[in-house]
N, C-alpha and C. Protein backbone atom coordinates (compact mmCIF):
# COMPACT_ATOMS: atom_id res chain seq x y z
N MET A 1 0.89 -1.26 0.18
CA MET A 1 -0.14 -0.01 -0.16
C MET A 1 0.94 1.28 -0.01
N LYS A 2 2.03 1.25 0.79
CA LYS A 2 3.01 2.35 0.93
C LYS A 2 3.51 2.68 -0.34
N ARG A 3 3.90 1.43 -0.87
CA ARG A 3 4.70 1.35 -2.17
C ARG A 3 3.79 2.21 -3.38
N SER A 4 2.55 1.53 -3.24
CA SER A 4 1.63 2.36 -4.38
C SER A 4 1.23 3.64 -4.30
N LYS A 5 1.56 4.22 -2.69
CA LYS A 5 1.35 5.66 -2.56
C LYS A 5 2.38 6.48 -3.17
N ARG A 6 3.55 5.95 -2.85
CA ARG A 6 4.97 6.42 -3.57
C ARG A 6 4.77 6.66 -4.72
N ILE A 7 4.27 5.73 -5.60
CA ILE A 7 4.34 5.62 -6.89
C ILE A 7 3.58 6.56 -7.46
N LEU A 8 2.28 6.90 -6.93
CA LEU A 8 1.42 7.80 -7.27
C LEU A 8 1.76 8.99 -7.01
N ALA A 9 2.61 9.30 -5.57
CA ALA A 9 3.10 10.53 -5.69
C ALA A 9 4.18 11.18 -6.53
N LEU A 10 5.19 10.39 -7.20
CA LEU A 10 6.01 10.39 -7.68
C LEU A 10 5.40 10.80 -9.28
N LEU A 11 4.51 10.20 -9.74
CA LEU A 11 3.78 10.52 -10.86
C LEU A 11 3.08 11.88 -10.79
N LEU A 12 2.40 11.87 -9.66
CA LEU A 12 1.80 13.65 -9.47
C LEU A 12 3.01 14.68 -9.52
N SER A 13 3.98 14.12 -8.95
CA SER A 13 5.28 14.89 -9.08
C SER A 13 5.60 15.56 -10.72
N MET A 14 5.82 14.40 -11.31
CA MET A 14 6.04 14.39 -12.65
C MET A 14 5.02 15.31 -13.51
N VAL A 15 3.80 14.92 -13.22
CA VAL A 15 2.81 15.78 -13.89
C VAL A 15 3.01 17.30 -13.61
N LEU A 16 3.20 17.65 -12.30
CA LEU A 16 3.07 18.95 -12.24
C LEU A 16 4.35 19.75 -12.38
N LEU A 17 5.42 18.83 -12.68
CA LEU A 17 6.95 19.43 -13.33
C LEU A 17 6.34 19.88 -14.61
N PHE A 18 5.98 19.01 -15.44
CA PHE A 18 6.01 19.09 -16.78
C PHE A 18 4.57 20.10 -17.37
N GLY A 19 3.73 20.26 -16.19
CA GLY A 19 2.65 21.27 -16.32
C GLY A 19 3.38 22.65 -16.18
N MET A 20 4.31 22.67 -15.77
CA MET A 20 5.14 24.24 -15.25
C MET A 20 5.76 24.35 -16.47
N LEU A 21 6.08 23.77 -17.38
CA LEU A 21 6.85 23.92 -18.74
C LEU A 21 6.05 24.42 -19.75
N PRO A 22 6.60 25.46 -20.54
CA PRO A 22 5.73 25.91 -21.61
C PRO A 22 5.57 24.84 -22.70
N MET A 23 4.34 24.53 -23.14
CA MET A 23 4.12 23.59 -24.25
C MET A 23 5.16 23.65 -25.09
N SER A 24 5.12 25.13 -25.80
CA SER A 24 6.20 25.30 -27.02
C SER A 24 7.38 24.97 -26.72
N ALA A 25 7.91 24.69 -25.59
CA ALA A 25 9.39 24.50 -25.28
C ALA A 25 9.65 23.10 -25.37
N LEU A 26 8.42 22.23 -24.68
CA LEU A 26 8.68 20.55 -24.87
C LEU A 26 8.40 20.40 -26.30
N ALA A 27 7.28 20.90 -27.16
CA ALA A 27 7.19 20.57 -28.44
C ALA A 27 8.34 20.88 -29.09
N ALA A 28 9.20 22.00 -28.94
CA ALA A 28 10.30 22.32 -29.78
C ALA A 28 11.52 21.29 -29.58
N ASP A 29 11.61 20.88 -28.29
CA ASP A 29 12.69 19.97 -27.84
C ASP A 29 12.43 18.81 -28.54
N SER A 30 10.87 18.20 -28.47
CA SER A 30 10.88 16.80 -28.80
C SER A 30 10.84 16.73 -30.49
N THR A 31 10.71 17.90 -31.21
CA THR A 31 10.51 18.25 -32.65
C THR A 31 11.94 17.92 -33.28
N PHE A 32 12.71 18.79 -32.92
CA PHE A 32 14.00 18.84 -33.42
C PHE A 32 15.39 18.47 -32.59
N SER A 33 15.80 17.39 -33.01
CA SER A 33 16.84 16.95 -32.17
C SER A 33 18.37 17.86 -31.87
N ASP A 34 18.12 18.83 -33.24
CA ASP A 34 19.56 19.63 -33.30
C ASP A 34 19.27 21.12 -32.91
N VAL A 35 18.21 21.40 -32.10
CA VAL A 35 17.94 22.65 -31.43
C VAL A 35 17.66 22.43 -30.03
N LYS A 36 18.33 22.75 -29.24
CA LYS A 36 18.39 22.85 -27.75
C LYS A 36 17.90 24.21 -27.11
N THR A 37 17.39 23.94 -26.09
CA THR A 37 16.96 25.28 -25.22
C THR A 37 18.16 25.90 -24.81
N SER A 38 19.23 25.44 -24.81
CA SER A 38 20.89 26.59 -24.73
C SER A 38 20.97 27.08 -25.88
N ASP A 39 20.60 26.98 -27.03
CA ASP A 39 21.13 27.65 -28.34
C ASP A 39 20.65 28.76 -28.68
N TRP A 40 21.32 29.66 -28.82
CA TRP A 40 20.82 31.15 -29.03
C TRP A 40 19.87 31.45 -29.95
N PHE A 41 19.45 30.45 -31.03
CA PHE A 41 18.60 30.52 -31.82
C PHE A 41 17.53 29.69 -31.45
N TYR A 42 17.17 29.46 -30.38
CA TYR A 42 16.19 28.36 -29.89
C TYR A 42 14.82 28.96 -30.01
N ASP A 43 14.50 30.42 -29.32
CA ASP A 43 13.36 30.97 -29.40
C ASP A 43 13.13 31.51 -30.86
N ASP A 44 13.93 31.67 -31.75
CA ASP A 44 13.84 32.24 -32.92
C ASP A 44 13.12 31.08 -33.67
N VAL A 45 13.66 29.62 -33.82
CA VAL A 45 13.22 28.65 -34.41
C VAL A 45 11.94 28.12 -33.97
N ARG A 46 11.39 28.23 -32.75
CA ARG A 46 10.37 28.18 -31.79
C ARG A 46 9.15 28.82 -32.75
N TYR A 47 9.76 30.22 -32.45
CA TYR A 47 8.54 31.30 -33.13
C TYR A 47 8.37 31.00 -34.90
N VAL A 48 9.46 30.59 -35.66
CA VAL A 48 9.02 30.58 -36.86
C VAL A 48 8.14 29.41 -37.27
N CYS A 49 8.61 28.27 -36.46
CA CYS A 49 7.85 27.01 -36.53
C CYS A 49 6.48 27.25 -36.30
N GLU A 50 6.10 27.73 -34.93
CA GLU A 50 4.99 28.00 -34.44
C GLU A 50 4.14 28.76 -35.38
N ASN A 51 4.73 29.64 -35.99
CA ASN A 51 3.92 30.59 -36.89
C ASN A 51 3.89 29.95 -38.21
N GLY A 52 4.22 28.93 -38.60
CA GLY A 52 4.38 28.62 -39.90
C GLY A 52 5.11 29.17 -40.88
N LEU A 53 6.18 30.08 -40.59
CA LEU A 53 7.10 30.61 -41.70
C LEU A 53 8.17 29.80 -41.93
N MET A 54 9.07 28.54 -41.25
CA MET A 54 9.56 27.75 -41.67
C MET A 54 9.54 26.42 -41.14
N ASN A 55 9.71 25.28 -41.78
CA ASN A 55 9.33 24.06 -40.87
C ASN A 55 10.86 23.27 -40.59
N GLY A 56 10.98 21.93 -40.64
CA GLY A 56 11.96 21.32 -40.34
C GLY A 56 12.36 20.53 -41.83
N THR A 57 13.83 19.99 -41.48
CA THR A 57 14.11 19.60 -42.67
C THR A 57 14.13 17.95 -42.85
N GLY A 58 13.35 17.54 -42.15
CA GLY A 58 12.90 16.00 -42.01
C GLY A 58 14.01 15.30 -41.16
N SER A 59 13.66 14.05 -40.63
CA SER A 59 14.34 13.14 -39.81
C SER A 59 14.28 13.65 -38.31
N GLY A 60 13.51 14.68 -38.00
CA GLY A 60 13.28 15.25 -36.65
C GLY A 60 14.46 16.38 -36.46
N THR A 61 14.86 17.17 -37.39
CA THR A 61 15.98 17.95 -37.46
C THR A 61 15.50 19.39 -38.04
N PHE A 62 15.95 20.54 -37.37
CA PHE A 62 15.72 21.68 -38.15
C PHE A 62 16.87 21.97 -39.17
N SER A 63 18.30 21.70 -38.92
CA SER A 63 19.52 22.04 -39.63
C SER A 63 19.67 23.52 -39.58
N PRO A 64 19.91 24.05 -38.50
CA PRO A 64 20.16 25.27 -38.09
C PRO A 64 21.36 25.91 -39.10
N LYS A 65 22.32 25.28 -38.93
CA LYS A 65 23.57 25.72 -39.89
C LYS A 65 23.48 25.71 -41.23
N ALA A 66 22.56 24.71 -41.78
CA ALA A 66 22.08 25.02 -43.23
C ALA A 66 21.90 26.13 -43.73
N THR A 67 22.00 26.60 -45.04
CA THR A 67 21.65 27.63 -45.63
C THR A 67 20.23 27.46 -46.12
N THR A 68 19.58 28.80 -46.38
CA THR A 68 18.14 29.05 -46.91
C THR A 68 18.22 29.62 -48.49
N THR A 69 17.40 28.99 -49.00
CA THR A 69 17.56 29.52 -50.42
C THR A 69 16.65 30.52 -50.63
N ARG A 70 17.00 31.07 -51.94
CA ARG A 70 16.38 32.44 -52.39
C ARG A 70 14.64 32.04 -52.83
N GLY A 71 14.59 30.73 -53.18
CA GLY A 71 12.97 30.92 -53.52
C GLY A 71 12.20 30.20 -52.09
N MET A 72 13.19 29.61 -50.97
CA MET A 72 12.11 29.71 -49.55
C MET A 72 11.97 30.80 -49.25
N ILE A 73 12.57 32.01 -49.12
CA ILE A 73 12.57 33.13 -48.64
C ILE A 73 11.30 33.78 -49.21
N VAL A 74 11.33 33.86 -50.92
CA VAL A 74 10.21 34.20 -51.38
C VAL A 74 8.67 33.59 -51.23
N THR A 75 8.89 32.29 -51.13
CA THR A 75 7.71 31.52 -50.79
C THR A 75 7.23 32.15 -49.25
N ILE A 76 8.08 32.14 -48.51
CA ILE A 76 7.71 32.70 -47.15
C ILE A 76 6.81 33.89 -47.08
N LEU A 77 7.39 34.72 -47.87
CA LEU A 77 6.78 36.15 -47.76
C LEU A 77 5.38 35.89 -48.78
N TYR A 78 5.19 35.23 -49.63
CA TYR A 78 4.38 34.95 -50.24
C TYR A 78 3.14 34.28 -49.57
N ARG A 79 3.34 33.52 -48.85
CA ARG A 79 2.43 32.88 -47.71
C ARG A 79 2.03 34.06 -46.84
N LEU A 80 2.84 34.76 -46.35
CA LEU A 80 2.54 35.57 -45.31
C LEU A 80 1.48 36.67 -45.97
N SER A 81 1.94 36.79 -47.33
CA SER A 81 0.77 37.99 -48.04
C SER A 81 -0.73 37.02 -48.42
N GLY A 82 -1.05 35.96 -47.89
CA GLY A 82 -1.90 35.08 -48.13
C GLY A 82 -2.35 34.55 -49.45
N GLU A 83 -0.88 34.40 -50.13
CA GLU A 83 -0.78 33.80 -51.44
C GLU A 83 -1.69 34.34 -52.46
N PRO A 84 -1.55 35.56 -52.63
CA PRO A 84 -2.47 36.22 -53.95
C PRO A 84 -2.15 35.38 -55.04
N ALA A 85 -3.12 35.90 -56.10
CA ALA A 85 -3.39 35.28 -57.54
C ALA A 85 -2.28 35.94 -57.99
N VAL A 86 -1.43 35.40 -58.97
CA VAL A 86 -0.70 35.97 -59.86
C VAL A 86 -1.35 35.77 -61.51
N SER A 87 -0.83 36.97 -62.00
CA SER A 87 -1.56 36.81 -63.71
C SER A 87 -0.72 36.98 -64.49
N GLY A 88 0.71 36.91 -64.22
CA GLY A 88 1.60 37.05 -65.30
C GLY A 88 2.47 35.34 -65.51
N VAL A 89 3.57 35.48 -66.44
CA VAL A 89 4.41 34.20 -66.44
C VAL A 89 5.70 34.78 -65.61
N CYS A 90 6.28 33.62 -64.87
CA CYS A 90 7.36 33.90 -64.32
C CYS A 90 8.46 34.70 -65.36
N PRO A 91 9.22 35.81 -64.94
CA PRO A 91 9.98 36.13 -66.01
C PRO A 91 11.64 35.52 -66.11
N PHE A 92 11.67 34.59 -65.14
CA PHE A 92 13.00 33.93 -65.05
C PHE A 92 12.76 32.64 -65.57
N GLY A 93 13.77 32.43 -66.56
CA GLY A 93 13.68 31.22 -67.15
C GLY A 93 14.40 29.55 -66.41
N ASP A 94 14.84 30.05 -65.06
CA ASP A 94 15.46 28.88 -64.52
C ASP A 94 14.54 28.71 -63.35
N VAL A 95 13.28 29.01 -63.45
CA VAL A 95 12.18 28.85 -62.32
C VAL A 95 11.28 27.78 -62.96
N ALA A 96 11.31 26.80 -62.83
CA ALA A 96 10.60 25.46 -63.65
C ALA A 96 9.02 25.56 -63.10
N ALA A 97 7.97 25.48 -64.51
CA ALA A 97 6.79 25.40 -63.97
C ALA A 97 6.20 24.44 -63.31
N GLY A 98 5.46 24.78 -62.01
CA GLY A 98 5.06 23.49 -61.19
C GLY A 98 5.85 23.52 -59.98
N LYS A 99 6.90 24.25 -59.94
CA LYS A 99 7.97 24.28 -58.58
C LYS A 99 7.03 24.83 -57.33
N TYR A 100 7.39 24.32 -56.49
CA TYR A 100 6.67 25.04 -55.04
C TYR A 100 7.12 26.60 -54.94
N TYR A 101 7.89 27.33 -55.66
CA TYR A 101 8.19 28.41 -55.39
C TYR A 101 7.75 29.30 -56.85
N GLU A 102 7.24 28.56 -57.70
CA GLU A 102 7.08 29.13 -58.91
C GLU A 102 5.98 30.49 -58.82
N LYS A 103 4.87 30.42 -58.22
CA LYS A 103 3.86 31.36 -57.99
C LYS A 103 4.47 32.27 -57.20
N ALA A 104 5.18 32.13 -56.15
CA ALA A 104 5.78 32.88 -55.30
C ALA A 104 6.58 34.02 -55.85
N ILE A 105 7.69 33.44 -56.72
CA ILE A 105 8.72 34.39 -57.40
C ILE A 105 7.70 34.86 -58.50
N THR A 106 6.70 34.62 -59.21
CA THR A 106 6.28 35.21 -60.16
C THR A 106 5.51 36.56 -59.42
N TRP A 107 4.84 36.26 -58.37
CA TRP A 107 4.47 37.28 -57.37
C TRP A 107 5.12 38.44 -57.05
N ALA A 108 6.43 38.07 -56.59
CA ALA A 108 7.50 38.46 -56.14
C ALA A 108 8.09 39.62 -57.15
N ALA A 109 8.22 39.18 -58.39
CA ALA A 109 8.71 39.96 -59.63
C ALA A 109 7.70 40.91 -59.91
N GLU A 110 6.53 40.60 -60.05
CA GLU A 110 5.41 41.42 -60.27
C GLU A 110 5.36 42.70 -59.31
N ASN A 111 5.79 42.59 -58.18
CA ASN A 111 5.77 43.51 -57.02
C ASN A 111 7.13 44.16 -56.92
N LYS A 112 7.80 43.65 -57.61
CA LYS A 112 9.33 44.30 -57.82
C LYS A 112 9.87 44.22 -56.09
N ILE A 113 9.71 42.93 -55.71
CA ILE A 113 10.10 42.56 -54.66
C ILE A 113 11.55 41.99 -54.95
N VAL A 114 11.42 41.25 -56.01
CA VAL A 114 12.87 40.41 -56.63
C VAL A 114 12.97 41.08 -57.95
N SER A 115 14.34 41.11 -58.47
CA SER A 115 14.67 41.24 -59.93
C SER A 115 15.42 40.45 -60.67
N GLY A 116 16.10 39.68 -59.78
CA GLY A 116 16.92 38.49 -60.32
C GLY A 116 18.17 39.06 -60.54
N TYR A 117 19.03 37.90 -61.30
CA TYR A 117 20.60 38.18 -61.34
C TYR A 117 20.60 39.15 -62.68
N ALA A 118 21.64 39.50 -63.19
CA ALA A 118 21.83 40.35 -64.39
C ALA A 118 21.90 39.46 -65.58
N ASP A 119 21.99 38.25 -65.44
CA ASP A 119 21.67 37.55 -66.71
C ASP A 119 20.42 36.86 -66.97
N GLY A 120 19.34 37.65 -66.00
CA GLY A 120 18.10 37.18 -66.55
C GLY A 120 17.72 36.14 -65.44
N THR A 121 18.43 35.35 -64.81
CA THR A 121 18.07 34.27 -63.64
C THR A 121 17.64 34.55 -62.42
N PHE A 122 17.12 33.71 -62.04
CA PHE A 122 16.74 33.99 -60.36
C PHE A 122 17.48 33.38 -59.36
N GLY A 123 17.94 31.91 -59.87
CA GLY A 123 18.65 31.02 -58.97
C GLY A 123 18.04 30.85 -57.75
N PRO A 124 16.92 30.17 -57.89
CA PRO A 124 15.75 29.55 -56.87
C PRO A 124 16.65 28.95 -55.77
N ASP A 125 17.36 28.28 -56.38
CA ASP A 125 17.92 26.90 -55.29
C ASP A 125 19.26 27.24 -54.79
N ASN A 126 19.64 28.84 -55.03
CA ASN A 126 20.82 29.03 -54.60
C ASN A 126 20.70 29.63 -53.23
N ALA A 127 21.76 29.65 -52.28
CA ALA A 127 21.48 30.04 -50.93
C ALA A 127 21.64 31.51 -51.07
N ILE A 128 20.80 32.08 -50.15
CA ILE A 128 20.38 33.52 -50.16
C ILE A 128 21.75 34.24 -49.19
N THR A 129 21.95 35.55 -49.56
CA THR A 129 23.14 35.96 -48.92
C THR A 129 22.45 36.89 -48.04
N ARG A 130 23.28 37.66 -46.85
CA ARG A 130 22.56 38.18 -45.98
C ARG A 130 21.96 39.78 -46.73
N GLU A 131 22.84 40.11 -47.35
CA GLU A 131 22.21 41.39 -48.15
C GLU A 131 21.26 41.16 -48.95
N GLN A 132 21.15 40.15 -49.74
CA GLN A 132 19.96 39.89 -50.34
C GLN A 132 18.65 39.64 -49.63
N LEU A 133 18.79 39.03 -48.54
CA LEU A 133 17.88 38.88 -47.77
C LEU A 133 17.21 39.94 -46.82
N ALA A 134 18.17 40.98 -46.82
CA ALA A 134 17.76 42.58 -46.50
C ALA A 134 17.24 43.28 -47.28
N ALA A 135 17.78 42.97 -48.57
CA ALA A 135 16.87 43.85 -49.88
C ALA A 135 15.42 43.29 -50.21
N ILE A 136 15.29 42.27 -49.93
CA ILE A 136 14.00 41.36 -50.21
C ILE A 136 12.92 41.69 -49.08
N LEU A 137 13.55 41.68 -47.82
CA LEU A 137 12.81 42.11 -46.85
C LEU A 137 12.23 43.53 -46.72
N TYR A 138 13.45 44.62 -47.16
CA TYR A 138 13.24 45.91 -47.38
C TYR A 138 12.00 46.34 -48.46
N ARG A 139 12.14 45.41 -49.60
CA ARG A 139 11.17 45.70 -50.65
C ARG A 139 9.72 45.29 -50.17
N TYR A 140 9.59 44.04 -49.62
CA TYR A 140 8.42 43.74 -48.98
C TYR A 140 7.88 44.57 -48.03
N ALA A 141 8.75 45.11 -47.13
CA ALA A 141 7.86 46.15 -46.19
C ALA A 141 7.49 47.26 -46.96
N LYS A 142 8.21 47.48 -48.08
CA LYS A 142 7.79 48.96 -48.56
C LYS A 142 6.29 48.49 -49.23
N LEU A 143 6.31 47.40 -49.93
CA LEU A 143 4.89 46.80 -50.52
C LEU A 143 3.93 47.00 -49.59
N LYS A 144 3.99 46.42 -48.31
CA LYS A 144 2.94 46.26 -47.42
C LYS A 144 3.03 47.58 -46.89
N GLY A 145 3.49 48.42 -47.00
CA GLY A 145 3.40 50.01 -46.29
C GLY A 145 3.80 50.19 -44.90
N TYR A 146 4.84 49.43 -44.53
CA TYR A 146 5.55 49.40 -43.34
C TYR A 146 6.74 50.42 -43.32
N ASP A 147 6.68 50.95 -42.04
CA ASP A 147 7.68 52.16 -41.79
C ASP A 147 9.11 51.44 -42.10
N THR A 148 9.50 52.32 -43.22
CA THR A 148 11.14 51.74 -43.63
C THR A 148 11.67 53.29 -43.49
N SER A 149 11.64 53.91 -42.92
CA SER A 149 12.30 55.10 -42.83
C SER A 149 13.71 55.19 -41.91
N LYS A 150 13.95 54.09 -41.01
CA LYS A 150 15.06 54.08 -39.93
C LYS A 150 16.25 53.89 -40.99
N SER A 151 17.46 54.31 -40.62
CA SER A 151 18.68 54.13 -41.27
C SER A 151 20.03 54.27 -40.49
N ASN A 152 20.66 53.19 -40.35
CA ASN A 152 21.74 53.37 -39.89
C ASN A 152 23.13 53.59 -40.46
N LYS A 153 23.92 54.36 -40.44
CA LYS A 153 25.45 54.21 -41.15
C LYS A 153 26.25 52.81 -40.81
N LEU A 154 26.74 52.34 -41.70
CA LEU A 154 27.39 51.10 -41.65
C LEU A 154 28.75 51.38 -41.38
N ASP A 155 29.47 52.47 -41.09
CA ASP A 155 30.78 52.80 -41.08
C ASP A 155 31.32 52.22 -40.02
N SER A 156 30.78 51.43 -38.93
CA SER A 156 31.35 50.93 -38.02
C SER A 156 31.89 49.72 -38.02
N PHE A 157 31.43 49.01 -39.51
CA PHE A 157 31.50 47.69 -39.51
C PHE A 157 33.16 47.74 -40.80
N LYS A 158 33.75 46.84 -40.39
CA LYS A 158 35.09 46.63 -41.16
C LYS A 158 34.85 46.28 -42.61
N ASP A 159 33.99 45.54 -43.15
CA ASP A 159 33.55 45.35 -44.27
C ASP A 159 32.43 45.79 -44.78
N ALA A 160 32.05 47.21 -44.55
CA ALA A 160 31.01 48.09 -44.93
C ALA A 160 30.97 48.17 -46.41
N ASP A 161 32.42 48.34 -47.04
CA ASP A 161 32.78 48.47 -48.42
C ASP A 161 32.05 47.29 -49.16
N LYS A 162 32.11 46.14 -48.60
CA LYS A 162 31.59 45.04 -49.33
C LYS A 162 30.23 44.89 -49.81
N VAL A 163 29.26 46.02 -48.95
CA VAL A 163 27.96 45.75 -49.34
C VAL A 163 27.47 46.34 -50.98
N SER A 164 27.08 45.61 -51.70
CA SER A 164 26.67 45.98 -53.08
C SER A 164 25.96 47.15 -52.98
N SER A 165 26.18 47.80 -53.67
CA SER A 165 25.60 49.22 -54.04
C SER A 165 24.04 49.18 -53.91
N TRP A 166 23.50 48.07 -54.66
CA TRP A 166 22.18 48.10 -54.87
C TRP A 166 21.29 47.48 -53.12
N ALA A 167 22.12 47.18 -52.49
CA ALA A 167 21.68 46.62 -51.10
C ALA A 167 22.03 47.82 -49.93
N VAL A 168 22.88 48.66 -50.38
CA VAL A 168 23.31 49.67 -49.04
C VAL A 168 21.83 50.04 -48.25
N GLU A 169 21.01 50.72 -48.83
CA GLU A 169 19.72 51.32 -48.14
C GLU A 169 19.00 50.02 -47.44
N ALA A 170 18.99 48.94 -48.07
CA ALA A 170 18.43 48.04 -47.40
C ALA A 170 18.90 47.58 -46.11
N MET A 171 20.33 47.33 -46.16
CA MET A 171 21.23 46.84 -45.13
C MET A 171 21.52 47.95 -44.15
N GLN A 172 21.15 49.39 -44.46
CA GLN A 172 21.30 50.19 -43.31
C GLN A 172 19.81 50.20 -42.62
N TRP A 173 18.80 50.20 -43.38
CA TRP A 173 17.42 49.91 -42.62
C TRP A 173 17.30 48.86 -41.94
N ALA A 174 18.11 47.65 -42.31
CA ALA A 174 17.76 46.23 -41.66
C ALA A 174 18.64 46.21 -40.44
N ASN A 175 19.97 47.15 -40.47
CA ASN A 175 20.69 47.17 -39.33
C ASN A 175 19.95 48.00 -38.44
N ALA A 176 19.32 49.09 -38.79
CA ALA A 176 18.54 50.27 -37.64
C ALA A 176 17.51 49.60 -37.09
N GLU A 177 17.05 48.41 -37.80
CA GLU A 177 15.74 47.86 -37.22
C GLU A 177 16.11 46.84 -36.32
N GLY A 178 17.59 46.41 -36.45
CA GLY A 178 17.93 45.38 -35.35
C GLY A 178 17.73 43.82 -36.14
N LEU A 179 17.53 44.12 -37.47
CA LEU A 179 17.13 42.74 -38.30
C LEU A 179 18.24 41.94 -38.44
N ILE A 180 19.28 42.73 -39.05
CA ILE A 180 20.90 42.27 -39.20
C ILE A 180 21.87 43.07 -38.56
N ASN A 181 22.47 42.16 -37.53
CA ASN A 181 23.63 42.85 -37.09
C ASN A 181 24.77 42.28 -37.49
N GLY A 182 26.25 42.66 -36.39
CA GLY A 182 27.47 42.15 -36.97
C GLY A 182 27.68 40.67 -36.55
N LYS A 183 28.45 40.04 -36.94
CA LYS A 183 28.94 38.87 -36.63
C LYS A 183 29.87 38.54 -35.85
N GLY A 184 30.38 39.76 -35.15
CA GLY A 184 31.44 39.83 -34.23
C GLY A 184 32.70 40.25 -35.10
N ASN A 185 33.80 40.70 -34.13
CA ASN A 185 35.05 41.48 -34.67
C ASN A 185 34.58 42.70 -35.69
N SER A 186 33.56 43.18 -35.35
CA SER A 186 33.17 44.33 -36.41
C SER A 186 32.83 43.96 -37.91
N MET A 187 32.28 42.70 -38.12
CA MET A 187 32.18 42.30 -39.46
C MET A 187 30.44 42.02 -39.71
N LEU A 188 30.14 42.75 -40.92
CA LEU A 188 28.63 42.43 -41.10
C LEU A 188 28.46 41.23 -42.00
N ASP A 189 29.44 40.97 -42.90
CA ASP A 189 29.30 39.78 -43.73
C ASP A 189 28.16 39.61 -44.57
N PRO A 190 28.05 40.58 -45.41
CA PRO A 190 27.07 40.94 -46.31
C PRO A 190 26.95 40.05 -47.44
N GLN A 191 28.17 39.40 -47.79
CA GLN A 191 27.99 38.72 -48.51
C GLN A 191 27.99 37.06 -48.13
N GLY A 192 28.00 36.85 -47.08
CA GLY A 192 27.67 35.48 -46.29
C GLY A 192 26.48 35.19 -46.70
N LYS A 193 26.37 33.79 -46.64
CA LYS A 193 25.27 33.14 -47.14
C LYS A 193 24.58 32.85 -45.49
N ALA A 194 23.22 33.38 -45.46
CA ALA A 194 22.15 33.24 -44.58
C ALA A 194 21.98 31.81 -43.96
N THR A 195 22.45 31.40 -42.76
CA THR A 195 22.12 30.01 -42.44
C THR A 195 20.60 30.00 -42.06
N ARG A 196 20.06 28.96 -41.76
CA ARG A 196 18.50 28.81 -41.22
C ARG A 196 18.40 29.06 -40.10
N ALA A 197 19.21 29.20 -39.01
CA ALA A 197 19.16 29.59 -37.63
C ALA A 197 19.09 31.16 -37.78
N GLU A 198 19.87 31.90 -38.73
CA GLU A 198 19.98 33.43 -38.83
C GLU A 198 18.58 33.74 -39.35
N THR A 199 18.49 33.07 -40.48
CA THR A 199 17.15 33.66 -41.21
C THR A 199 15.96 33.38 -40.16
N ALA A 200 15.85 32.50 -39.43
CA ALA A 200 14.66 32.28 -38.18
C ALA A 200 14.97 33.52 -37.43
N ALA A 201 15.84 33.95 -36.96
CA ALA A 201 16.06 35.10 -36.14
C ALA A 201 15.72 36.61 -36.88
N ILE A 202 16.15 36.49 -37.94
CA ILE A 202 15.79 37.77 -38.84
C ILE A 202 14.44 37.79 -38.97
N LEU A 203 13.55 36.54 -39.57
CA LEU A 203 12.19 36.60 -39.58
C LEU A 203 11.47 37.07 -38.33
N MET A 204 11.99 36.25 -37.38
CA MET A 204 11.34 36.61 -35.98
C MET A 204 11.30 38.10 -35.57
N ARG A 205 12.41 38.78 -35.77
CA ARG A 205 12.64 40.26 -35.51
C ARG A 205 11.67 41.04 -36.48
N PHE A 206 11.66 40.43 -37.87
CA PHE A 206 10.65 41.28 -38.74
C PHE A 206 9.55 41.45 -38.44
N MET A 207 8.91 40.06 -37.96
CA MET A 207 7.43 39.98 -37.72
C MET A 207 7.09 40.76 -36.49
N GLU A 208 8.05 40.62 -35.37
CA GLU A 208 7.52 41.47 -34.21
C GLU A 208 7.93 43.07 -34.02
N ASN A 209 8.89 43.48 -34.84
CA ASN A 209 9.27 44.56 -34.79
C ASN A 209 8.68 45.50 -36.21
N ILE A 210 8.54 45.05 -37.30
CA ILE A 210 8.14 45.81 -38.39
C ILE A 210 6.62 45.17 -38.82
N ALA A 211 6.20 44.23 -38.78
CA ALA A 211 5.04 43.65 -39.20
C ALA A 211 3.92 43.57 -38.13
N LYS A 212 4.30 44.41 -37.30
CA LYS A 212 3.06 44.24 -36.30
C LYS A 212 1.75 45.06 -36.44
């Protein structure tokens, strides 16, 4: 009898313990084996997944160190806009018909969120760079009528001269809004490829600070 009471008491303690933990924290840890509560991107990953902005990469992982593609980013913004109808044909020859990102890229091109590369391609499966991500978010914010007036000089970064001319205004805005910060040693790394963890963090900041 005493043993049964001890077992019951133990079970009740466990229920109370787990009941005190946020359900989102439990869900995130049990869903992704490569995202721990101690990781700097934990809250960011939890946010984008809970809000349907990003998903896992299969086999119970999120792959935070992997890169994010240009097609993925445009698709995320397209979904945020409610997947509006597109009237034209995708202007980029390397965007195959029927691909998951075809309508999203067509919509983004129609609304001048993206313009593609100089050779007329879009590179949907190419890893997106930090400055490309800033530019796309900046144009999307303008399309949605969000405030894009903030701007920071980038002089404090050693590699400020590496920012492409077409991305300067967007990077100044993104830095002023805290979307894209330095990566240590006063480096902005504008040409660096945005990892999935970085993308999650930038998207969370964008949603909470800009698209509110």
